């Protein structure tokens, strides 16, 4: 039996992180959680997630810088990174420029989350299979 895909959630607010974790687990994926950009980089290197959900506005190290640094890791250079932000409209056009594969606006809708995760995980699986 194949193991579940792993999603790294990066969110500085514990309640939002927990709510997102619950939704992702309901969809059927495993979850790793980081509370800031530095922790996200460390956990991405250690756990090699299949996809990263990254809040953009975080203290210490913002999501844009953390995403750039994660993509520089050999273990994660092809890992899809999805921005989760309350400033969605502002970032939709610029997301790929910042290294994000997609943008999900807060508050997160579980159907939108499932659609984006499923499409990115299928794509990353296809890339890995070749």
Foldseek 3Di string as FASTA:
>chain_A
DDDFAEEEEEAQDPVLQVVVCVLVVVLPHHYDYHNHLVRVLVCCLVPVGQAYEAEADDPPDGRLRSLVSNCVDPSRVPRAYEYEYCCQVVCQVCQVVSVHPYYAYPPGDSVVVSVVVVVSSVVSVVVVVD
